[in-house]
Amino acid sequence: MAPKLSIHPPLLNTACPWATTPAHLEALLRCPSTGAITTRTSLIEGFPHDDAVHRYAFLDPASTSGRAPEARGPSASPVGSINSLGYSPLPLDAYLAALSDLSASLPLDVTCKHKTAIVSVAGTPSAVAECYARILAASSGVSFPLAMEVNLSCPNIQGCLAPPGYDPVCLGAYLAALPGDPLVPVGIKTPPYTYAGQFTALVDILALYAGRVSFVTATNTLGCSVFNQGEGEGEGEGEGASWMEGGLAGAGIHPLSLGNVRMLRRALDGRGLAGVQVIGVGGVHDAPGYRRMRGAGAEAVGLATALGARGVGVFESIGRDVGSEW
C-alpha cells in the first residue's frame, strides 16, 4: 500500500510562483496555519524561464479588471489569475538543498518540523523516476517528511500537444516508471476534466498501478484562456495590445475544481481506491471556499492565486475563521 500524506491542518500551498525561492518556502513553513508546503514544479535541469513570455496577472472577477486587487485579509473579495508560466527556473537539486538548509536552520518546534514538504516535479517518465530517486535519497537528511508530486497538467509548455494528464496512454507511461513500492508518498497533479469519461479513464489507469500513487492534486489551471489587461478594446494583437494567453486559475475555476474533486473522490471510491487521497485546488480564498472543497471530498485544500495576491496571511485568515473545525 502506498504511504499516506500527513497534513494537519489540512491546508497548504500548491506549486506556484510564490513557492519558488528558499525565502518563499521558509515563510510557508513558519506559517502556523499550513499543514504542508509544496515547492514550485521543477525539472532536473531547471526550466528556461523567459520574463517576456512567462507571465501572470491577477484578475478581479467582479469587474473583469486585470489589475491586482488591493484588498487583503479575511474580508477580501475573490481573486482570479491567468498565467503563461512554465516550470521553475531552479533545478530539482536546488529545492532539495533548500529544504536541507531549512531543516538545519529552523527551530525544532512542531510548527515547522512536522510539515510535509511536497516536491513538485515534471519531465519525461524516466526523468521523473530519477526525481523520485533523488528525493528519496534526500529524505534521510531532512527533518521534514518529503513527498513527490508529478505535475502532469501544466497547459503552457511549448511543443507539448496536450498535458499528459489528458492522455491515458501517456499517463500510464508515467505510472509505470514510478516505484511499485514507494517509500515516500507520490502523487500526480491533474488538469481540469470536463466530462465523466475522463475521470473513468484516470481511475482505470490508477487501478492498474494501485499502490504507486498516494494522492491526486486536482486541479491545475484551465488552459487556452485569454485575457486583455488593457481596456478590452479591439481584438488584434498588434501594437498596444495587452493580451495574455495561458492557464486560468482562482475564482474563475472554483466551481469546475469543486466538481473535479467530487467526481474524482467518487470515482476512486468506486474502484476500490479509497486510500488515494485528494488535495483540492482551485479558487479557494476564504473559509467558506475551504469548507466547500472539503465537502466535495478533499482531504486537504491547496491555495495558489490567493497566496500570490494576499501572502501567507491568507492561510491564517482561513485558520481563524475555521477555528477548531478543520
C-alpha atoms as a PDB file:
ATOM      1  CA  MET A   1       0.000   0.000   0.000  1.00  0.00           C
ATOM      2  CA  ALA A   2       1.251   3.477  -0.877  1.00  0.00           C
ATOM      3  CA  PRO A   3       2.303   5.614   2.108  1.00  0.00           C
ATOM      4  CA  LYS A   4      -0.159   8.311   3.115  1.00  0.00           C
ATOM      5  CA  LEU A   5       0.383  12.037   3.334  1.00  0.00           C
ATOM      6  CA  SER A   6       0.029  13.610   6.757  1.00  0.00           C
ATOM      7  CA  ILE A   7      -1.295  17.181   6.502  1.00  0.00           C
ATOM      8  CA  HIS A   8      -2.664  18.960   9.553  1.00  0.00           C
ATOM      9  CA  PRO A   9      -4.092  21.490   9.468  1.00  0.00           C
ATOM     10  CA  PRO A  10      -5.333  20.278   6.062  1.00  0.00           C
ATOM     11  CA  LEU A  11      -4.297  23.498   4.322  1.00  0.00           C
ATOM     12  CA  LEU A  12      -1.268  24.086   2.109  1.00  0.00           C
ATOM     13  CA  ASN A  13       0.055  25.974  -0.867  1.00  0.00           C
ATOM     14  CA  THR A  14       0.276  24.403  -4.283  1.00  0.00           C
ATOM     15  CA  ALA A  15       3.078  24.604  -6.836  1.00  0.00           C
ATOM     16  CA  CYS A  16       3.132  28.235  -7.955  1.00  0.00           C
ATOM     17  CA  PRO A  17       5.435  31.246  -8.470  1.00  0.00           C
ATOM     18  CA  TRP A  18       5.103  32.123  -4.780  1.00  0.00           C
ATOM     19  CA  ALA A  19       6.850  28.900  -3.804  1.00  0.00           C
ATOM     20  CA  THR A  20       9.948  29.456  -5.931  1.00  0.00           C
ATOM     21  CA  THR A  21      12.670  30.675  -3.589  1.00  0.00           C
ATOM     22  CA  PRO A  22      14.013  29.412  -0.253  1.00  0.00           C
ATOM     23  CA  ALA A  23      12.536  32.556   1.333  1.00  0.00           C
ATOM     24  CA  HIS A  24       9.096  31.630  -0.007  1.00  0.00           C
ATOM     25  CA  LEU A  25       9.412  28.118   1.410  1.00  0.00           C
ATOM     26  CA  GLU A  26      10.587  29.372   4.794  1.00  0.00           C
ATOM     27  CA  ALA A  27       7.601  31.721   5.108  1.00  0.00           C
ATOM     28  CA  LEU A  28       5.236  28.879   4.242  1.00  0.00           C
ATOM     29  CA  LEU A  29       6.900  26.548   6.737  1.00  0.00           C
ATOM     30  CA  ARG A  30       6.736  29.129   9.502  1.00  0.00           C
ATOM     31  CA  CYS A  31       3.045  29.869   8.903  1.00  0.00           C
ATOM     32  CA  PRO A  32       1.090  28.190  11.730  1.00  0.00           C
ATOM     33  CA  SER A  33      -1.943  27.553   9.503  1.00  0.00           C
ATOM     34  CA  THR A  34      -0.243  25.415   6.854  1.00  0.00           C
ATOM     35  CA  GLY A  35      -0.017  21.689   7.446  1.00  0.00           C
ATOM     36  CA  ALA A  36       2.298  21.090   4.478  1.00  0.00           C
ATOM     37  CA  ILE A  37       4.085  23.044   1.766  1.00  0.00           C
ATOM     38  CA  THR A  38       4.618  22.452  -1.943  1.00  0.00           C
ATOM     39  CA  THR A  39       7.589  23.632  -3.975  1.00  0.00           C
ATOM     40  CA  ARG A  40       7.186  25.172  -7.382  1.00  0.00           C
ATOM     41  CA  THR A  41       7.334  22.482 -10.057  1.00  0.00           C
ATOM     42  CA  SER A  42      10.940  21.845 -11.068  1.00  0.00           C
ATOM     43  CA  LEU A  43      12.855  19.860 -13.655  1.00  0.00           C
ATOM     44  CA  ILE A  44      16.151  18.075 -13.093  1.00  0.00           C
ATOM     45  CA  GLU A  45      17.988  20.718 -15.131  1.00  0.00           C
ATOM     46  CA  GLY A  46      15.686  23.691 -14.492  1.00  0.00           C
ATOM     47  CA  PHE A  47      13.256  25.375 -16.882  1.00  0.00           C
ATOM     48  CA  PRO A  48      14.334  28.062 -19.401  1.00  0.00           C
ATOM     49  CA  HIS A  49      12.223  30.858 -17.939  1.00  0.00           C
ATOM     50  CA  ASP A  50      11.776  33.993 -20.064  1.00  0.00           C
ATOM     51  CA  ASP A  51      10.189  37.040 -18.410  1.00  0.00           C
ATOM     52  CA  ALA A  52       8.905  38.250 -21.770  1.00  0.00           C
ATOM     53  CA  VAL A  53       6.986  35.018 -22.338  1.00  0.00           C
ATOM     54  CA  HIS A  54       6.236  33.574 -18.921  1.00  0.00           C
ATOM     55  CA  ARG A  55       3.987  35.987 -17.063  1.00  0.00           C
ATOM     56  CA  TYR A  56       0.989  36.145 -14.767  1.00  0.00           C
ATOM     57  CA  ALA A  57      -1.714  38.648 -13.879  1.00  0.00           C
ATOM     58  CA  PHE A  58      -4.377  38.852 -11.205  1.00  0.00           C
ATOM     59  CA  LEU A  59      -7.997  39.278 -12.251  1.00  0.00           C
ATOM     60  CA  ASP A  60     -10.878  40.865 -10.403  1.00  0.00           C
ATOM     61  CA  PRO A  61     -13.861  38.597 -11.163  1.00  0.00           C
ATOM     62  CA  ALA A  62     -16.349  41.291 -10.163  1.00  0.00           C
ATOM     63  CA  SER A  63     -15.127  43.955 -12.569  1.00  0.00           C
ATOM     64  CA  THR A  64     -13.155  41.908 -15.147  1.00  0.00           C
ATOM     65  CA  SER A  65     -10.203  44.127 -14.314  1.00  0.00           C
ATOM     66  CA  GLY A  66      -6.753  42.769 -14.948  1.00  0.00           C
ATOM     67  CA  ARG A  67      -5.245  44.724 -12.090  1.00  0.00           C
ATOM     68  CA  ALA A  68      -4.210  43.114  -8.846  1.00  0.00           C
ATOM     69  CA  PRO A  69      -6.820  43.623  -6.103  1.00  0.00           C
ATOM     70  CA  GLU A  70      -5.932  45.918  -3.235  1.00  0.00           C
ATOM     71  CA  ALA A  71      -7.971  44.222  -0.506  1.00  0.00           C
ATOM     72  CA  ARG A  72      -6.158  41.911   1.879  1.00  0.00           C
ATOM     73  CA  GLY A  73      -7.300  39.850   4.824  1.00  0.00           C
ATOM     74  CA  PRO A  74     -10.282  37.678   5.694  1.00  0.00           C
ATOM     75  CA  SER A  75     -12.867  40.019   4.162  1.00  0.00           C
ATOM     76  CA  ALA A  76     -11.042  40.373   0.849  1.00  0.00           C
ATOM     77  CA  SER A  77     -13.040  39.612  -2.280  1.00  0.00           C
ATOM     78  CA  PRO A  78     -12.357  36.613  -4.529  1.00  0.00           C
ATOM     79  CA  VAL A  79      -9.408  36.900  -6.867  1.00  0.00           C
ATOM     80  CA  GLY A  80      -8.617  35.199 -10.131  1.00  0.00           C
ATOM     81  CA  SER A  81      -5.453  34.890 -12.157  1.00  0.00           C
ATOM     82  CA  ILE A  82      -4.132  33.915 -15.548  1.00  0.00           C
ATOM     83  CA  ASN A  83      -0.599  32.835 -16.336  1.00  0.00           C
ATOM     84  CA  SER A  84       1.627  31.720 -19.180  1.00  0.00           C
ATOM     85  CA  LEU A  85       4.245  30.324 -16.818  1.00  0.00           C
ATOM     86  CA  GLY A  86       6.142  27.107 -17.292  1.00  0.00           C
ATOM     87  CA  TYR A  87       8.131  25.482 -14.519  1.00  0.00           C
ATOM     88  CA  SER A  88      10.644  26.832 -12.033  1.00  0.00           C
ATOM     89  CA  PRO A  89      13.972  28.145 -13.336  1.00  0.00           C
ATOM     90  CA  LEU A  90      15.579  26.426 -10.331  1.00  0.00           C
ATOM     91  CA  PRO A  91      16.517  22.747 -10.768  1.00  0.00           C
ATOM     92  CA  LEU A  92      15.283  19.989  -8.503  1.00  0.00           C
ATOM     93  CA  ASP A  93      18.562  19.762  -6.602  1.00  0.00           C
ATOM     94  CA  ALA A  94      18.247  23.436  -5.633  1.00  0.00           C
ATOM     95  CA  TYR A  95      14.952  22.681  -3.883  1.00  0.00           C
ATOM     96  CA  LEU A  96      16.356  19.631  -2.136  1.00  0.00           C
ATOM     97  CA  ALA A  97      19.316  21.714  -0.946  1.00  0.00           C
ATOM     98  CA  ALA A  98      16.991  24.494   0.224  1.00  0.00           C
ATOM     99  CA  LEU A  99      14.887  22.043   2.214  1.00  0.00           C
ATOM    100  CA  SER A 100      18.031  20.575   3.757  1.00  0.00           C
ATOM    101  CA  ASP A 101      19.228  24.046   4.755  1.00  0.00           C
ATOM    102  CA  LEU A 102      15.829  24.963   6.197  1.00  0.00           C
ATOM    103  CA  SER A 103      15.705  21.702   8.095  1.00  0.00           C
ATOM    104  CA  ALA A 104      19.019  22.554   9.733  1.00  0.00           C
ATOM    105  CA  SER A 105      18.274  26.207  10.450  1.00  0.00           C
ATOM    106  CA  LEU A 106      14.636  26.341  11.537  1.00  0.00           C
ATOM    107  CA  PRO A 107      13.825  25.864  15.223  1.00  0.00           C
ATOM    108  CA  LEU A 108      12.918  22.405  16.429  1.00  0.00           C
ATOM    109  CA  ASP A 109       9.256  23.079  17.134  1.00  0.00           C
ATOM    110  CA  VAL A 110       6.039  21.483  15.978  1.00  0.00           C
ATOM    111  CA  THR A 111       5.102  24.452  13.801  1.00  0.00           C
ATOM    112  CA  CYS A 112       7.831  23.719  11.284  1.00  0.00           C
ATOM    113  CA  LYS A 113       9.401  20.335  11.707  1.00  0.00           C
ATOM    114  CA  HIS A 114       6.337  18.124  11.324  1.00  0.00           C
ATOM    115  CA  LYS A 115       5.194  19.588   7.997  1.00  0.00           C
ATOM    116  CA  THR A 116       5.376  17.505   4.870  1.00  0.00           C
ATOM    117  CA  ALA A 117       7.291  19.151   2.038  1.00  0.00           C
ATOM    118  CA  ILE A 118       5.783  18.092  -1.280  1.00  0.00           C
ATOM    119  CA  VAL A 119       8.409  18.431  -4.003  1.00  0.00           C
ATOM    120  CA  SER A 120       6.631  19.067  -7.300  1.00  0.00           C
ATOM    121  CA  VAL A 121       8.453  17.783 -10.393  1.00  0.00           C
ATOM    122  CA  ALA A 122       7.956  17.300 -14.120  1.00  0.00           C
ATOM    123  CA  GLY A 123       9.800  15.805 -17.064  1.00  0.00           C
ATOM    124  CA  THR A 124       9.780  12.609 -19.079  1.00  0.00           C
ATOM    125  CA  PRO A 125       8.806   9.359 -17.344  1.00  0.00           C
ATOM    126  CA  SER A 126      12.464   8.391 -16.964  1.00  0.00           C
ATOM    127  CA  ALA A 127      13.323  11.848 -15.630  1.00  0.00           C
ATOM    128  CA  VAL A 128      10.502  11.612 -13.093  1.00  0.00           C
ATOM    129  CA  ALA A 129      11.885   8.247 -11.960  1.00  0.00           C
ATOM    130  CA  GLU A 130      15.235   9.955 -11.404  1.00  0.00           C
ATOM    131  CA  CYS A 131      13.477  12.736  -9.493  1.00  0.00           C
ATOM    132  CA  TYR A 132      11.987  10.134  -7.173  1.00  0.00           C
ATOM    133  CA  ALA A 133      15.411   8.595  -6.568  1.00  0.00           C
ATOM    134  CA  ARG A 134      16.878  11.996  -5.677  1.00  0.00           C
ATOM    135  CA  ILE A 135      14.001  12.904  -3.370  1.00  0.00           C
ATOM    136  CA  LEU A 136      14.236   9.548  -1.613  1.00  0.00           C
ATOM    137  CA  ALA A 137      17.989   9.992  -1.139  1.00  0.00           C
ATOM    138  CA  ALA A 138      17.452  13.493   0.261  1.00  0.00           C
ATOM    139  CA  SER A 139      14.724  12.384   2.660  1.00  0.00           C
ATOM    140  CA  SER A 140      17.185  10.902   5.146  1.00  0.00           C
ATOM    141  CA  GLY A 141      18.924  14.256   5.551  1.00  0.00           C
ATOM    142  CA  VAL A 142      15.937  16.462   6.343  1.00  0.00           C
ATOM    143  CA  SER A 143      13.567  16.564   9.277  1.00  0.00           C
ATOM    144  CA  PHE A 144      10.535  17.287   7.095  1.00  0.00           C
ATOM    145  CA  PRO A 145       8.675  14.288   5.702  1.00  0.00           C
ATOM    146  CA  LEU A 146       9.129  14.510   1.931  1.00  0.00           C
ATOM    147  CA  ALA A 147       6.677  13.608  -0.828  1.00  0.00           C
ATOM    148  CA  MET A 148       6.789  13.892  -4.616  1.00  0.00           C
ATOM    149  CA  GLU A 149       4.086  15.362  -6.842  1.00  0.00           C
ATOM    150  CA  VAL A 150       4.328  14.686 -10.570  1.00  0.00           C
ATOM    151  CA  ASN A 151       2.870  17.656 -12.414  1.00  0.00           C
ATOM    152  CA  LEU A 152       1.105  16.168 -15.441  1.00  0.00           C
ATOM    153  CA  SER A 153      -1.085  19.139 -16.196  1.00  0.00           C
ATOM    154  CA  CYS A 154       0.700  22.418 -16.990  1.00  0.00           C
ATOM    155  CA  PRO A 155      -1.063  23.815 -20.089  1.00  0.00           C
ATOM    156  CA  ASN A 156       1.713  26.259 -21.040  1.00  0.00           C
ATOM    157  CA  ILE A 157       4.563  24.013 -22.220  1.00  0.00           C
ATOM    158  CA  GLN A 158       5.529  24.732 -25.822  1.00  0.00           C
ATOM    159  CA  GLY A 159       5.809  21.672 -28.026  1.00  0.00           C
ATOM    160  CA  CYS A 160       3.511  19.614 -25.825  1.00  0.00           C
ATOM    161  CA  LEU A 161       0.385  18.615 -27.748  1.00  0.00           C
ATOM    162  CA  ALA A 162      -1.555  18.097 -24.520  1.00  0.00           C
ATOM    163  CA  PRO A 163      -0.721  17.816 -20.834  1.00  0.00           C
ATOM    164  CA  PRO A 164      -0.030  14.128 -20.036  1.00  0.00           C
ATOM    165  CA  GLY A 165      -2.919  14.114 -17.576  1.00  0.00           C
ATOM    166  CA  TYR A 166      -5.338  14.256 -20.516  1.00  0.00           C
ATOM    167  CA  ASP A 167      -3.826  11.221 -22.270  1.00  0.00           C
ATOM    168  CA  PRO A 168      -4.419   7.846 -20.563  1.00  0.00           C
ATOM    169  CA  VAL A 169      -1.628   6.149 -22.534  1.00  0.00           C
ATOM    170  CA  CYS A 170       0.863   8.847 -21.617  1.00  0.00           C
ATOM    171  CA  LEU A 171      -0.327   8.807 -18.015  1.00  0.00           C
ATOM    172  CA  GLY A 172       0.216   5.059 -17.921  1.00  0.00           C
ATOM    173  CA  ALA A 173       3.829   5.520 -19.021  1.00  0.00           C
ATOM    174  CA  TYR A 174       4.440   7.828 -16.070  1.00  0.00           C
ATOM    175  CA  LEU A 175       2.807   5.481 -13.576  1.00  0.00           C
ATOM    176  CA  ALA A 176       4.803   2.550 -14.952  1.00  0.00           C
ATOM    177  CA  ALA A 177       8.011   4.497 -14.290  1.00  0.00           C
ATOM    178  CA  LEU A 178       7.130   5.036 -10.623  1.00  0.00           C
ATOM    179  CA  PRO A 179       8.330   2.593  -7.961  1.00  0.00           C
ATOM    180  CA  GLY A 180       5.988  -0.293  -7.256  1.00  0.00           C
ATOM    181  CA  ASP A 181       6.512   0.017  -3.512  1.00  0.00           C
ATOM    182  CA  PRO A 182       7.308   3.699  -2.835  1.00  0.00           C
ATOM    183  CA  LEU A 183       8.968   4.711   0.412  1.00  0.00           C
ATOM    184  CA  VAL A 184       7.829   8.337   0.195  1.00  0.00           C
ATOM    185  CA  PRO A 185       4.327   9.382  -0.912  1.00  0.00           C
ATOM    186  CA  VAL A 186       3.989  10.012  -4.642  1.00  0.00           C
ATOM    187  CA  GLY A 187       1.105  11.893  -6.214  1.00  0.00           C
ATOM    188  CA  ILE A 188       0.012  13.303  -9.546  1.00  0.00           C
ATOM    189  CA  LYS A 189      -1.394  16.724 -10.382  1.00  0.00           C
ATOM    190  CA  THR A 190      -4.265  16.559 -12.839  1.00  0.00           C
ATOM    191  CA  PRO A 191      -5.740  19.086 -15.269  1.00  0.00           C
ATOM    192  CA  PRO A 192      -9.386  20.158 -15.067  1.00  0.00           C
ATOM    193  CA  TYR A 193     -11.586  17.440 -16.550  1.00  0.00           C
ATOM    194  CA  THR A 194     -14.885  18.348 -18.160  1.00  0.00           C
ATOM    195  CA  TYR A 195     -16.733  15.084 -18.801  1.00  0.00           C
ATOM    196  CA  ALA A 196     -17.273  11.809 -16.972  1.00  0.00           C
ATOM    197  CA  GLY A 197     -15.213   9.641 -19.317  1.00  0.00           C
ATOM    198  CA  GLN A 198     -12.049  11.483 -18.345  1.00  0.00           C
ATOM    199  CA  PHE A 199     -12.486  10.518 -14.695  1.00  0.00           C
ATOM    200  CA  THR A 200     -13.181   6.921 -15.673  1.00  0.00           C
ATOM    201  CA  ALA A 201     -10.026   6.787 -17.788  1.00  0.00           C
ATOM    202  CA  LEU A 202      -7.962   8.240 -14.943  1.00  0.00           C
ATOM    203  CA  VAL A 203      -9.123   5.799 -12.285  1.00  0.00           C
ATOM    204  CA  ASP A 204      -8.820   2.873 -14.712  1.00  0.00           C
ATOM    205  CA  ILE A 205      -5.116   3.675 -15.118  1.00  0.00           C
ATOM    206  CA  LEU A 206      -4.654   4.280 -11.392  1.00  0.00           C
ATOM    207  CA  ALA A 207      -6.253   0.911 -10.653  1.00  0.00           C
ATOM    208  CA  LEU A 208      -3.723  -0.806 -12.919  1.00  0.00           C
ATOM    209  CA  TYR A 209      -0.921   0.701 -10.853  1.00  0.00           C
ATOM    210  CA  ALA A 210      -2.570   0.535  -7.449  1.00  0.00           C
ATOM    211  CA  GLY A 211      -0.114   1.083  -4.636  1.00  0.00           C
ATOM    212  CA  ARG A 212       2.099   3.510  -6.550  1.00  0.00           C
ATOM    213  CA  VAL A 213       0.065   6.701  -6.120  1.00  0.00           C
ATOM    214  CA  SER A 214      -0.738   8.119  -2.691  1.00  0.00           C
ATOM    215  CA  PHE A 215      -2.575  11.272  -3.730  1.00  0.00           C
ATOM    216  CA  VAL A 216      -4.046  13.286  -6.576  1.00  0.00           C
ATOM    217  CA  THR A 217      -3.880  17.079  -6.641  1.00  0.00           C
ATOM    218  CA  ALA A 218      -6.914  18.420  -8.503  1.00  0.00           C
ATOM    219  CA  THR A 219      -6.897  20.708 -10.336  1.00  0.00           C
ATOM    220  CA  ASN A 220      -4.268  22.630 -12.246  1.00  0.00           C
ATOM    221  CA  THR A 221      -5.166  25.690 -14.306  1.00  0.00           C
ATOM    222  CA  LEU A 222      -7.575  25.671 -17.259  1.00  0.00           C
ATOM    223  CA  GLY A 223      -5.560  26.152 -20.441  1.00  0.00           C
ATOM    224  CA  CYS A 224      -6.279  28.160 -23.597  1.00  0.00           C
ATOM    225  CA  SER A 225      -7.667  31.065 -21.592  1.00  0.00           C
ATOM    226  CA  VAL A 226      -7.214  34.626 -22.830  1.00  0.00           C
ATOM    227  CA  PHE A 227      -7.457  37.989 -21.107  1.00  0.00           C
ATOM    228  CA  ASN A 228      -6.847  41.585 -22.174  1.00  0.00           C
ATOM    229  CA  GLN A 229      -5.026  43.510 -19.477  1.00  0.00           C
ATOM    230  CA  GLY A 230      -5.861  46.817 -21.097  1.00  0.00           C
ATOM    231  CA  GLU A 231      -9.291  48.356 -21.557  1.00  0.00           C
ATOM    232  CA  GLY A 232     -10.503  45.462 -23.691  1.00  0.00           C
ATOM    233  CA  GLU A 233     -10.865  47.497 -26.888  1.00  0.00           C
ATOM    234  CA  GLY A 234     -10.190  45.812 -30.180  1.00  0.00           C
ATOM    235  CA  GLU A 235      -9.396  42.240 -30.974  1.00  0.00           C
ATOM    236  CA  GLY A 236      -5.970  42.465 -32.556  1.00  0.00           C
ATOM    237  CA  GLU A 237      -2.606  41.514 -31.178  1.00  0.00           C
ATOM    238  CA  GLY A 238      -0.715  44.399 -32.688  1.00  0.00           C
ATOM    239  CA  GLU A 239       0.977  47.364 -31.099  1.00  0.00           C
ATOM    240  CA  GLY A 240      -0.742  48.480 -27.903  1.00  0.00           C
ATOM    241  CA  ALA A 241      -2.473  45.174 -27.341  1.00  0.00           C
ATOM    242  CA  SER A 242      -2.054  43.603 -23.909  1.00  0.00           C
ATOM    243  CA  TRP A 243      -3.417  40.129 -24.355  1.00  0.00           C
ATOM    244  CA  MET A 244      -2.319  37.289 -22.120  1.00  0.00           C
ATOM    245  CA  GLU A 245      -2.864  33.657 -23.016  1.00  0.00           C
ATOM    246  CA  GLY A 246      -2.450  30.768 -20.613  1.00  0.00           C
ATOM    247  CA  GLY A 247      -3.990  28.947 -17.708  1.00  0.00           C
ATOM    248  CA  LEU A 248      -6.960  30.345 -15.801  1.00  0.00           C
ATOM    249  CA  ALA A 249      -6.867  29.968 -12.013  1.00  0.00           C
ATOM    250  CA  GLY A 250      -8.525  31.302  -8.904  1.00  0.00           C
ATOM    251  CA  ALA A 251     -12.167  32.257  -8.565  1.00  0.00           C
ATOM    252  CA  GLY A 252     -12.996  31.597 -12.212  1.00  0.00           C
ATOM    253  CA  ILE A 253     -12.372  27.854 -11.962  1.00  0.00           C
ATOM    254  CA  HIS A 254     -13.655  27.273  -8.419  1.00  0.00           C
ATOM    255  CA  PRO A 255     -16.915  25.512  -9.434  1.00  0.00           C
ATOM    256  CA  LEU A 256     -15.078  23.376 -12.001  1.00  0.00           C
ATOM    257  CA  SER A 257     -12.420  22.395  -9.467  1.00  0.00           C
ATOM    258  CA  LEU A 258     -15.069  21.509  -6.894  1.00  0.00           C
ATOM    259  CA  GLY A 259     -16.753  19.300  -9.461  1.00  0.00           C
ATOM    260  CA  ASN A 260     -13.451  17.622 -10.298  1.00  0.00           C
ATOM    261  CA  VAL A 261     -12.742  16.865  -6.651  1.00  0.00           C
ATOM    262  CA  ARG A 262     -16.233  15.473  -6.121  1.00  0.00           C
ATOM    263  CA  MET A 263     -16.199  13.334  -9.259  1.00  0.00           C
ATOM    264  CA  LEU A 264     -12.676  12.130  -8.578  1.00  0.00           C
ATOM    265  CA  ARG A 265     -13.423  11.138  -4.998  1.00  0.00           C
ATOM    266  CA  ARG A 266     -16.484   9.184  -6.103  1.00  0.00           C
ATOM    267  CA  ALA A 267     -14.630   7.514  -8.963  1.00  0.00           C
ATOM    268  CA  LEU A 268     -11.723   6.482  -6.748  1.00  0.00           C
ATOM    269  CA  ASP A 269     -14.025   5.063  -4.093  1.00  0.00           C
ATOM    270  CA  GLY A 270     -15.985   3.198  -6.732  1.00  0.00           C
ATOM    271  CA  ARG A 271     -12.843   1.439  -7.992  1.00  0.00           C
ATOM    272  CA  GLY A 272     -11.582   0.348  -4.584  1.00  0.00           C
ATOM    273  CA  LEU A 273      -9.073   3.196  -4.405  1.00  0.00           C
ATOM    274  CA  ALA A 274     -10.418   4.852  -1.268  1.00  0.00           C
ATOM    275  CA  GLY A 275      -6.876   5.064   0.092  1.00  0.00           C
ATOM    276  CA  VAL A 276      -5.826   7.539  -2.606  1.00  0.00           C
ATOM    277  CA  GLN A 277      -6.039  10.998  -1.058  1.00  0.00           C
ATOM    278  CA  VAL A 278      -7.310  14.058  -2.936  1.00  0.00           C
ATOM    279  CA  ILE A 279      -5.856  17.534  -2.481  1.00  0.00           C
ATOM    280  CA  GLY A 280      -8.490  20.003  -3.672  1.00  0.00           C
ATOM    281  CA  VAL A 281      -7.229  23.078  -5.505  1.00  0.00           C
ATOM    282  CA  GLY A 282      -8.953  25.884  -7.362  1.00  0.00           C
ATOM    283  CA  GLY A 283     -10.251  29.270  -6.301  1.00  0.00           C
ATOM    284  CA  VAL A 284     -10.247  28.864  -2.526  1.00  0.00           C
ATOM    285  CA  HIS A 285      -9.553  32.157  -0.773  1.00  0.00           C
ATOM    286  CA  ASP A 286     -11.606  32.017   2.431  1.00  0.00           C
ATOM    287  CA  ALA A 287     -13.149  29.665   4.992  1.00  0.00           C
ATOM    288  CA  PRO A 288     -16.389  29.051   3.024  1.00  0.00           C
ATOM    289  CA  GLY A 289     -14.342  28.026  -0.011  1.00  0.00           C
ATOM    290  CA  TYR A 290     -12.235  25.768   2.181  1.00  0.00           C
ATOM    291  CA  ARG A 291     -15.361  24.125   3.572  1.00  0.00           C
ATOM    292  CA  ARG A 292     -16.822  23.656   0.089  1.00  0.00           C
ATOM    293  CA  MET A 293     -13.675  21.923  -1.082  1.00  0.00           C
ATOM    294  CA  ARG A 294     -13.580  19.672   1.964  1.00  0.00           C
ATOM    295  CA  GLY A 295     -17.269  18.899   1.498  1.00  0.00           C
ATOM    296  CA  ALA A 296     -16.582  17.887  -2.098  1.00  0.00           C
ATOM    297  CA  GLY A 297     -14.184  15.223  -0.843  1.00  0.00           C
ATOM    298  CA  ALA A 298     -10.776  16.872  -0.496  1.00  0.00           C
ATOM    299  CA  GLU A 299      -8.620  15.543   2.315  1.00  0.00           C
ATOM    300  CA  ALA A 300      -6.608  18.771   2.217  1.00  0.00           C
ATOM    301  CA  VAL A 301      -7.049  22.098   0.429  1.00  0.00           C
ATOM    302  CA  GLY A 302      -4.412  23.934  -1.592  1.00  0.00           C
ATOM    303  CA  LEU A 303      -4.109  27.626  -2.477  1.00  0.00           C
ATOM    304  CA  ALA A 304      -2.059  29.410  -5.119  1.00  0.00           C
ATOM    305  CA  THR A 305      -3.723  32.540  -6.527  1.00  0.00           C
ATOM    306  CA  ALA A 306      -4.888  33.713  -3.099  1.00  0.00           C
ATOM    307  CA  LEU A 307      -1.357  33.200  -1.760  1.00  0.00           C
ATOM    308  CA  GLY A 308       0.071  35.328  -4.550  1.00  0.00           C
ATOM    309  CA  ALA A 309      -2.483  38.084  -4.071  1.00  0.00           C
ATOM    310  CA  ARG A 310      -2.519  38.217  -0.267  1.00  0.00           C
ATOM    311  CA  GLY A 311       0.574  36.488   1.039  1.00  0.00           C
ATOM    312  CA  VAL A 312       0.838  33.760   3.675  1.00  0.00           C
ATOM    313  CA  GLY A 313      -1.618  35.696   5.836  1.00  0.00           C
ATOM    314  CA  VAL A 314      -4.438  34.207   3.763  1.00  0.00           C
ATOM    315  CA  PHE A 315      -3.806  30.856   5.461  1.00  0.00           C
ATOM    316  CA  GLU A 316      -4.031  32.435   8.898  1.00  0.00           C
ATOM    317  CA  SER A 317      -7.258  34.198   7.910  1.00  0.00           C
ATOM    318  CA  ILE A 318      -8.810  30.897   6.865  1.00  0.00           C
ATOM    319  CA  GLY A 319      -7.498  29.251  10.013  1.00  0.00           C
ATOM    320  CA  ARG A 320      -9.083  31.891  12.249  1.00  0.00           C
ATOM    321  CA  ASP A 321     -12.451  31.520  10.553  1.00  0.00           C
ATOM    322  CA  VAL A 322     -12.366  27.735  10.516  1.00  0.00           C
ATOM    323  CA  GLY A 323     -11.233  27.553  14.142  1.00  0.00           C
ATOM    324  CA  SER A 324     -11.187  24.024  15.513  1.00  0.00           C
ATOM    325  CA  GLU A 325     -13.417  22.695  12.712  1.00  0.00           C
ATOM    326  CA  TRP A 326     -10.595  21.560  10.446  1.00  0.00           C
END
